[in-house]
C-alpha cells in the first residue's frame, strides 16, 4: 500500500493512481530493468562472500545487509543512480535511510491503532515517526532532485543513454515532476523493508528444506548453465519453480499480514452490514494458512503452485493468498519487487548451497512478518 496515498480516497486518489500505474504495473516495463537489478544482485553475492565468517555463516546483521541490497536495487530502477550501499565504504546516509524506514514502520501502526493522543499533543512515538519521515524525505529528495536534473539534461543534449529510470518514464508521460517525485519517494519508503524481508524469508525456508532447494538449483542451472551468464527477460519466465518458492513463502509468511480499508459507503459483506467510515481488515495471513484453502497448509510445498501439481495439495482458491493485495489498490511496486526477488534468489542459489544449523526460528512482526532472530545461514560456495 503506497504510504503517500494512504489517506487518499475517491477522485483525488484515482487520478494519481491512473497516471502512475500505466508505468508501474506493466510486466514488460519491469523486465526492462533486469540488467540494473542483476548488477545489484551480483554485488550482493560478492558482499555475502565478504561478510560471512570462517564457517561460511552469515552474520547476525545479515537482514540489514539484505536491506542494503534492496535499497541499491530501488535506486537503480527508480532513479538510475548507484548509491554504493554494498561497498565497504558505503555512504553513512544509506544506513540512516534504512534505519529511518524501520523506525517509520515500527511506529505507524502504533499511531493508527492506539488511542491517538498524538492528535492532541506531540507524543514520543509521534516525534520518532516525524523524525524518521524527515530523514527519509531529506535523503531521498536529494537523490530525486539530482535525478530530475539529470533527466532534464538528457532531454537537452540527446545521445546514447542507459535505460530510462522510472522517474524519467513518468516525466515522459507528462505527469509532472510532483507525481514523479511522489512515486519515487513511495518506492524508497515501502520497497526496502518489504522486499528484503521477503527475500530473507525465502532464503531461510530454502535453507530449512534442502530437497526444495535442490530442485530450485537444478532449475536455475538449466536456465543459466554458466554462473556468469547474464539473466535476460526471457529467463524470468522459465524460472517457474523459483516463482513457486516465492509464492509459497509469501503464502505461509506474508511480510504484511493484512490489508486495511476504510469503507466509503454502506456495504453488505457476507451478510454483515458495514457502515461508511468503518475500517475493515483483510487478514490474508489467516486465510492463506487454512487447510480448507491449502491442504497441509503448515507444509512448505512450492509444488502446489506448479501447473499439473497433485490436486491434493494444490491451490483451492485463487484469492486465498494475496500478499500484494488485489484490484485497484494492489501494491504499486509489485512487478519490480517480483523482479528483484527472482533475480537475487537465482543468483544466490546459483552461487551458494544454503544450510541452517541452529534452533528453528519463530516468526514475529518487527515491523514486517519475519524470522525472529539472526539469520545465520551457512552459504557454501557451489
Protein backbone atom coordinates (compact mmCIF):
# COMPACT_ATOMS: atom_id res chain seq x y z
CA UNK A 1 0.00 0.00 0.00
CA UNK A 2 1.52 3.31 -1.06
CA UNK A 3 2.14 5.41 2.05
CA UNK A 4 1.87 8.79 0.34
CA UNK A 5 -1.63 7.88 -0.84
CA UNK A 6 -2.61 6.13 2.39
CA UNK A 7 -5.29 8.64 3.27
CA UNK A 8 -6.44 9.45 -0.25
CA UNK A 9 -9.91 8.39 -1.34
CA UNK A 10 -12.15 8.82 -4.33
CA UNK A 11 -11.25 11.00 -7.28
CA UNK A 12 -8.00 12.53 -5.94
CA UNK A 13 -6.53 9.07 -5.29
CA UNK A 14 -7.84 7.63 -8.57
CA UNK A 15 -6.32 10.46 -10.63
CA UNK A 16 -2.90 9.79 -9.10
CA UNK A 17 -3.14 6.03 -9.41
CA UNK A 18 -4.39 6.01 -13.01
CA UNK A 19 -1.37 8.04 -14.12
CA UNK A 20 1.39 6.06 -12.43
CA UNK A 21 0.03 2.52 -12.81
CA UNK A 22 0.42 2.74 -16.60
CA UNK A 23 4.17 2.51 -15.97
CA UNK A 24 4.36 0.68 -12.66
CA UNK A 25 2.09 -2.32 -13.20
CA UNK A 26 3.00 -3.38 -16.72
CA UNK A 27 5.12 -6.58 -16.57
CA UNK A 28 7.02 -5.59 -19.70
CA UNK A 29 8.16 -2.35 -18.04
CA UNK A 30 9.70 -4.18 -15.07
CA UNK A 31 11.58 -6.53 -17.40
CA UNK A 32 13.41 -3.56 -18.91
CA UNK A 33 15.33 -3.25 -15.65
CA UNK A 34 16.68 -6.80 -15.46
CA UNK A 35 20.20 -5.54 -16.13
CA UNK A 36 20.18 -2.92 -13.38
CA UNK A 37 18.65 -5.30 -10.82
CA UNK A 38 21.10 -8.02 -11.83
CA UNK A 39 24.10 -5.77 -11.17
CA UNK A 40 22.85 -5.06 -7.65
CA UNK A 41 22.21 -8.78 -7.07
CA UNK A 42 25.69 -9.77 -8.25
CA UNK A 43 27.16 -7.13 -5.96
CA UNK A 44 25.17 -8.65 -3.10
CA UNK A 45 26.59 -12.12 -3.83
CA UNK A 46 30.08 -10.64 -3.52
CA UNK A 47 29.01 -8.87 -0.32
CA UNK A 48 27.89 -12.21 1.16
CA UNK A 49 31.33 -13.66 0.48
CA UNK A 50 32.87 -10.77 2.41
CA UNK A 51 30.58 -10.71 5.45
CA UNK A 52 30.25 -14.47 6.14
CA UNK A 53 32.54 -15.86 8.83
CA UNK A 54 35.22 -18.55 8.64
CA UNK A 55 32.49 -21.19 8.98
CA UNK A 56 30.67 -19.70 5.94
CA UNK A 57 27.80 -18.43 8.09
CA UNK A 58 26.20 -15.07 7.57
CA UNK A 59 26.48 -12.58 10.46
CA UNK A 60 23.80 -11.62 12.97
CA UNK A 61 23.10 -8.46 10.99
CA UNK A 62 22.51 -10.31 7.71
CA UNK A 63 18.98 -8.90 7.36
CA UNK A 64 20.47 -5.41 7.34
CA UNK A 65 22.77 -6.48 4.51
CA UNK A 66 19.69 -7.58 2.56
CA UNK A 67 18.18 -4.14 3.27
CA UNK A 68 21.25 -2.59 1.62
CA UNK A 69 20.76 -4.73 -1.48
CA UNK A 70 17.09 -3.73 -1.65
CA UNK A 71 17.91 -0.03 -1.35
CA UNK A 72 20.58 -0.30 -4.04
CA UNK A 73 18.12 -2.05 -6.38
CA UNK A 74 15.42 0.56 -5.83
CA UNK A 75 17.80 3.42 -6.52
CA UNK A 76 18.94 1.83 -9.78
CA UNK A 77 15.38 1.25 -11.00
CA UNK A 78 13.67 4.40 -9.74
CA UNK A 79 16.42 6.95 -10.39
CA UNK A 80 19.17 5.21 -12.40
CA UNK A 81 21.53 6.01 -9.52
CA UNK A 82 24.22 3.83 -7.97
CA UNK A 83 24.26 4.52 -4.21
CA UNK A 84 27.10 2.14 -3.36
CA UNK A 85 25.14 0.56 -0.49
CA UNK A 86 27.07 -2.71 -0.81
CA UNK A 87 30.52 -1.14 -0.93
CA UNK A 88 32.87 -1.42 2.04
CA UNK A 89 32.87 2.38 2.26
CA UNK A 90 29.12 2.80 1.73
CA UNK A 91 27.85 6.34 2.43
CA UNK A 92 26.63 6.84 6.00
CA UNK A 93 23.31 8.16 4.73
CA UNK A 94 22.36 4.77 3.26
CA UNK A 95 22.26 3.21 6.74
CA UNK A 96 20.49 6.29 8.07
CA UNK A 97 17.80 5.82 5.43
CA UNK A 98 17.39 2.11 6.23
CA UNK A 99 17.13 2.86 9.96
CA UNK A 100 14.59 5.63 9.35
CA UNK A 101 12.38 3.34 7.26
CA UNK A 102 12.48 0.75 10.06
CA UNK A 103 11.50 3.36 12.65
CA UNK A 104 8.71 4.61 10.40
CA UNK A 105 7.10 1.18 10.05
CA UNK A 106 7.51 0.30 13.72
CA UNK A 107 5.61 3.40 14.78
CA UNK A 108 2.99 3.93 12.09
CA UNK A 109 0.89 1.00 13.36
CA UNK A 110 1.05 2.25 16.94
CA UNK A 111 -0.14 5.70 15.87
CA UNK A 112 -3.00 4.31 13.79
CA UNK A 113 -4.29 1.62 16.14
CA UNK A 114 -3.87 3.01 19.64
CA UNK A 115 -5.62 5.97 21.26
CA UNK A 116 -4.49 8.98 19.13
CA UNK A 117 -3.09 11.21 21.86
CA UNK A 118 -0.68 12.47 19.20
CA UNK A 119 -3.56 14.46 17.72
CA UNK A 120 -3.70 16.49 20.94
CA UNK A 121 -0.01 16.84 21.73
CA UNK A 122 3.35 15.62 20.43
CA UNK A 123 3.91 12.19 21.97
CA UNK A 124 7.32 10.42 21.95
CA UNK A 125 6.01 7.93 19.37
CA UNK A 126 4.76 10.75 17.14
CA UNK A 127 8.12 12.51 17.39
CA UNK A 128 10.01 9.36 16.41
CA UNK A 129 7.67 8.92 13.47
CA UNK A 130 8.06 12.51 12.28
CA UNK A 131 11.84 12.48 12.72
CA UNK A 132 12.06 9.27 10.68
CA UNK A 133 9.92 10.78 7.91
CA UNK A 134 12.09 13.91 7.91
CA UNK A 135 15.19 11.76 7.44
CA UNK A 136 13.59 9.73 4.65
CA UNK A 137 12.39 12.83 2.79
CA UNK A 138 15.69 14.66 3.25
CA UNK A 139 17.87 11.85 1.90
CA UNK A 140 15.61 10.67 -0.89
CA UNK A 141 14.74 14.20 -2.03
CA UNK A 142 18.41 14.94 -2.58
CA UNK A 143 18.79 11.99 -4.93
CA UNK A 144 15.45 12.63 -6.62
CA UNK A 145 16.40 16.26 -7.34
CA UNK A 146 19.72 15.14 -8.85
CA UNK A 147 17.86 12.58 -10.97
CA UNK A 148 15.41 15.24 -12.15
CA UNK A 149 18.30 17.49 -13.16
CA UNK A 150 19.98 14.59 -15.00
CA UNK A 151 16.74 13.79 -16.82
CA UNK A 152 16.46 17.40 -17.92
CA UNK A 153 20.00 17.35 -19.28
CA UNK A 154 19.26 14.14 -21.23
CA UNK A 155 16.41 15.92 -22.99
CA UNK A 156 18.71 18.79 -23.90
CA UNK A 157 21.83 17.01 -25.17
CA UNK A 158 20.29 13.77 -26.53
CA UNK A 159 22.73 10.99 -27.43
CA UNK A 160 23.13 7.45 -26.07
CA UNK A 161 21.93 6.79 -22.52
CA UNK A 162 21.03 3.94 -20.19
CA UNK A 163 17.51 2.58 -19.91
CA UNK A 164 15.34 5.47 -18.65
CA UNK A 165 14.62 5.35 -14.94
CA UNK A 166 11.06 5.10 -13.68
CA UNK A 167 11.29 8.77 -12.79
CA UNK A 168 12.15 9.59 -16.41
CA UNK A 169 9.36 7.39 -17.74
CA UNK A 170 6.81 9.19 -15.60
CA UNK A 171 8.15 12.56 -16.70
CA UNK A 172 7.94 11.46 -20.34
CA UNK A 173 4.23 10.76 -19.80
CA UNK A 174 3.85 14.42 -18.81
CA UNK A 175 2.61 13.53 -15.34
CA UNK A 176 4.58 16.46 -13.98
CA UNK A 177 7.53 16.45 -11.55
CA UNK A 178 5.27 16.28 -8.48
CA UNK A 179 3.71 12.92 -9.33
CA UNK A 180 7.05 11.51 -10.49
CA UNK A 181 8.68 12.65 -7.24
CA UNK A 182 5.91 11.21 -5.04
CA UNK A 183 6.14 7.86 -6.83
CA UNK A 184 9.92 7.70 -6.43
CA UNK A 185 9.59 8.57 -2.74
CA UNK A 186 6.98 5.82 -2.34
CA UNK A 187 9.35 3.25 -3.78
CA UNK A 188 12.05 4.14 -1.27
CA UNK A 189 9.59 4.29 1.62
CA UNK A 190 7.78 0.99 1.13
CA UNK A 191 10.16 -1.02 -1.03
CA UNK A 192 13.14 -1.51 1.28
CA UNK A 193 11.76 -3.44 4.26
CA UNK A 194 9.06 -5.34 2.39
CA UNK A 195 11.18 -6.81 -0.41
CA UNK A 196 14.22 -7.50 1.76
CA UNK A 197 12.19 -9.30 4.45
CA UNK A 198 10.53 -11.40 1.76
CA UNK A 199 13.93 -12.38 0.37
CA UNK A 200 15.22 -13.19 3.87
CA UNK A 201 12.21 -15.44 4.46
CA UNK A 202 12.63 -17.28 1.14
CA UNK A 203 16.34 -17.91 1.81
CA UNK A 204 15.54 -19.18 5.30
CA UNK A 205 12.88 -21.57 4.00
CA UNK A 206 15.22 -22.88 1.30
CA UNK A 207 17.90 -23.49 3.93
CA UNK A 208 15.37 -25.42 6.02
CA UNK A 209 14.20 -27.53 3.06
CA UNK A 210 17.23 -28.89 1.21
CA UNK A 211 15.12 -31.07 -1.13
CA UNK A 212 13.23 -27.97 -2.34
CA UNK A 213 16.49 -26.05 -2.67
CA UNK A 214 17.96 -28.90 -4.74
CA UNK A 215 15.06 -28.75 -7.19
CA UNK A 216 15.41 -24.99 -7.42
CA UNK A 217 19.16 -25.21 -8.05
CA UNK A 218 18.52 -27.71 -10.85
CA UNK A 219 16.07 -25.29 -12.45
CA UNK A 220 18.42 -22.31 -12.18
CA UNK A 221 21.31 -24.41 -13.56
CA UNK A 222 19.18 -25.43 -16.53
CA UNK A 223 18.08 -21.87 -17.29
CA UNK A 224 21.53 -20.38 -16.57
CA UNK A 225 24.04 -23.19 -17.32
CA UNK A 226 27.02 -20.87 -16.80
CA UNK A 227 27.37 -18.97 -13.47
CA UNK A 228 28.34 -15.74 -15.22
CA UNK A 229 25.58 -15.91 -17.81
CA UNK A 230 23.51 -12.71 -17.65
CA UNK A 231 19.83 -13.08 -16.84
CA UNK A 232 17.65 -11.97 -19.74
CA UNK A 233 13.95 -11.14 -19.58
CA UNK A 234 13.12 -14.47 -21.21
CA UNK A 235 14.90 -16.37 -18.44
CA UNK A 236 12.48 -15.00 -15.87
CA UNK A 237 9.55 -16.85 -17.45
CA UNK A 238 11.47 -20.13 -17.32
CA UNK A 239 12.07 -20.00 -13.56
CA UNK A 240 8.68 -21.37 -12.64
CA UNK A 241 9.79 -23.27 -9.56
CA UNK A 242 11.59 -20.19 -8.24
CA UNK A 243 8.37 -18.22 -8.57
CA UNK A 244 6.55 -21.04 -6.79
CA UNK A 245 9.05 -20.89 -3.90
CA UNK A 246 8.38 -17.18 -3.53
CA UNK A 247 4.60 -17.65 -3.68
CA UNK A 248 4.68 -20.44 -1.13
CA UNK A 249 6.85 -18.44 1.28
CA UNK A 250 4.58 -15.41 0.98
CA UNK A 251 1.55 -17.63 1.49
CA UNK A 252 2.86 -19.01 4.76
CA UNK A 253 4.76 -15.92 5.92
CA UNK A 254 3.46 -12.77 4.17
CA UNK A 255 5.61 -9.79 5.15
CA UNK A 256 2.42 -7.75 5.61
CA UNK A 257 -0.12 -9.99 7.32
CA UNK A 258 -3.22 -7.97 6.39
CA UNK A 259 -4.61 -5.02 4.47
CA UNK A 260 -6.85 -2.32 5.92
CA UNK A 261 -9.54 -0.42 4.07
CA UNK A 262 -11.94 2.35 5.04
CA UNK A 263 -15.49 1.84 3.75
CA UNK A 264 -16.54 4.73 1.51
CA UNK A 265 -20.22 3.72 1.59
CA UNK A 266 -22.55 1.39 3.50
CA UNK A 267 -21.78 -2.13 2.25
CA UNK A 268 -23.01 -5.66 2.96
CA UNK A 269 -20.20 -8.24 3.13
CA UNK A 270 -21.02 -11.86 3.89
CA UNK A 271 -24.37 -10.86 5.33
CA UNK A 272 -22.90 -8.19 7.61
CA UNK A 273 -23.82 -4.52 7.27
CA UNK A 274 -20.60 -2.44 7.28
CA UNK A 275 -21.31 1.29 7.70
CA UNK A 276 -19.48 4.00 5.80
CA UNK A 277 -16.29 5.16 7.54
CA UNK A 278 -15.63 1.86 9.34
CA UNK A 279 -12.14 0.36 9.00
CA UNK A 280 -12.05 -3.26 7.90
CA UNK A 281 -9.03 -5.57 7.84
CA UNK A 282 -8.45 -8.39 5.37
CA UNK A 283 -6.30 -10.90 7.27
CA UNK A 284 -4.84 -12.82 4.36
CA UNK A 285 -2.26 -14.44 6.69
CA UNK A 286 -5.09 -16.26 8.47
CA UNK A 287 -6.85 -17.27 5.27
CA UNK A 288 -3.72 -18.44 3.46
CA UNK A 289 -2.78 -20.73 6.35
CA UNK A 290 -6.05 -22.69 6.44
CA UNK A 291 -6.28 -26.28 5.22
CA UNK A 292 -9.64 -25.59 3.59
CA UNK A 293 -7.84 -23.47 1.00
CA UNK A 294 -4.36 -25.03 1.12
CA UNK A 295 -4.32 -28.70 2.21
CA UNK A 296 -1.44 -29.38 4.63
CA UNK A 297 -1.09 -25.63 4.91
CA UNK A 298 1.69 -25.89 7.50
CA UNK A 299 3.91 -27.68 4.98
CA UNK A 300 6.28 -25.75 2.70
CA UNK A 301 5.28 -27.12 -0.70
CA UNK A 302 6.11 -24.84 -3.65
CA UNK A 303 4.86 -27.62 -5.93
CA UNK A 304 1.27 -26.67 -5.10
CA UNK A 305 1.74 -23.58 -7.30
CA UNK A 306 3.05 -25.54 -10.30
CA UNK A 307 0.82 -26.40 -13.23
CA UNK A 308 -0.20 -30.05 -13.09
CA UNK A 309 0.62 -30.36 -9.37
CA UNK A 310 -1.08 -33.01 -7.23
CA UNK A 311 -4.61 -31.70 -6.71
CA UNK A 312 -4.46 -32.97 -3.10
CA UNK A 313 -2.01 -30.22 -2.25
CA UNK A 314 -2.98 -27.70 -4.89
CA UNK A 315 -4.34 -24.17 -4.59
CA UNK A 316 -8.06 -24.29 -3.79
CA UNK A 317 -8.99 -20.64 -4.22
CA UNK A 318 -7.27 -18.01 -6.35
CA UNK A 319 -7.92 -15.26 -3.78
CA UNK A 320 -6.82 -17.21 -0.69
CA UNK A 321 -3.30 -15.78 -0.80
CA UNK A 322 -2.92 -12.12 -1.79
CA UNK A 323 0.42 -10.87 -0.38
CA UNK A 324 0.40 -7.92 -2.80
CA UNK A 325 -3.29 -7.12 -2.41
CA UNK A 326 -5.67 -7.13 -5.34
CA UNK A 327 -7.59 -4.83 -7.64
CA UNK A 328 -7.35 -1.08 -7.87
CA UNK A 329 -5.21 -0.79 -4.74
CA UNK A 330 -2.85 -3.66 -5.48
CA UNK A 331 0.76 -2.92 -4.45
CA UNK A 332 2.07 -0.42 -6.98
CA UNK A 333 5.63 -1.80 -6.84
CA UNK A 334 4.64 -5.47 -7.22
CA UNK A 335 6.25 -6.07 -10.64
CA UNK A 336 9.57 -4.61 -9.53
CA UNK A 337 9.55 -6.44 -6.19
CA UNK A 338 8.99 -9.74 -8.03
CA UNK A 339 11.80 -8.94 -10.47
CA UNK A 340 14.19 -8.11 -7.64
CA UNK A 341 13.31 -11.25 -5.66
CA UNK A 342 13.59 -13.64 -8.61
CA UNK A 343 16.91 -12.18 -9.70
CA UNK A 344 18.67 -12.09 -6.34
CA UNK A 345 17.45 -15.53 -5.22
CA UNK A 346 18.54 -17.07 -8.54
CA UNK A 347 22.00 -15.52 -8.17
CA UNK A 348 22.36 -16.63 -4.54
CA UNK A 349 21.22 -20.22 -5.16
CA UNK A 350 23.50 -20.38 -8.17
CA UNK A 351 26.49 -19.26 -6.09
CA UNK A 352 25.83 -20.98 -2.74
CA UNK A 353 24.36 -24.05 -1.15
CA UNK A 354 22.24 -22.84 1.79
CA UNK A 355 22.18 -24.64 5.13
CA UNK A 356 20.82 -23.78 8.59
CA UNK A 357 22.26 -25.48 11.69
CA UNK A 358 20.64 -23.62 14.60
CA UNK A 359 17.40 -23.73 16.54
CA UNK A 360 14.44 -23.13 14.27
CA UNK A 361 13.22 -19.53 14.33
CA UNK A 362 9.68 -18.41 15.05
CA UNK A 363 8.19 -15.55 13.06
CA UNK A 364 7.22 -12.22 14.55
CA UNK A 365 6.18 -8.73 13.43
CA UNK A 366 9.13 -6.33 13.63
CA UNK A 367 7.72 -4.39 11.81
CA UNK A 368 7.31 -6.90 8.95
CA UNK A 369 6.41 -10.55 9.49
CA UNK A 370 9.89 -12.04 9.56
CA UNK A 371 12.03 -14.74 11.26
CA UNK A 372 12.64 -13.82 14.89
CA UNK A 373 16.37 -13.97 15.36
CA UNK A 374 19.66 -13.74 13.47
CA UNK A 375 19.62 -15.40 10.06
CA UNK A 376 22.84 -17.33 10.46
CA UNK A 377 22.58 -19.15 7.14
CA UNK A 378 25.56 -21.20 6.03
CA UNK A 379 26.50 -20.07 2.50
CA UNK A 380 28.71 -22.76 0.96
CA UNK A 381 30.34 -22.00 -2.39
CA UNK A 382 28.96 -24.15 -5.20
